[in-house]
């Protein structure tokens, strides 16, 4: 077929342009209810638990209330946690509490909500969370 004005030279008139484009399913497989082969879990019947460390730097006077808030949030969202490690900072003016916890991938949103809520809590001076490497 002859080339038509306004159509790129690599395409003939009437040719299906979808054959030249990468489908959205390749980039967003979960939008169409499909997963890629390398994303699917292999041989696991239960989801893996991921370990995170939540580190809260707060005013020493506010530490008990913040500890209660963290523990109740973790218990409400059914996240298992170990005993926090508490360290005095800046001459006792601030306290750093480190919580090590385990959660599944689908529970991570609860951890994000907790970190966001703690970031807006009076008395909290810094908060961060990090993954804990497997032992």
Foldseek 3Di string as FASTA:
>chain_A
DDDDPPDDPVDHPPDDCVVVDDDVCVVCVVVVPGDDPVPDDDPDPDFDKFKKKKKWKFFLVCVVVVVVVVVVLCVVLVKDWDAWDWDAPDVNRIIITIIMIIDGPVSVVSVVVSQVVLVPDPGTDDIDMDTDDDD
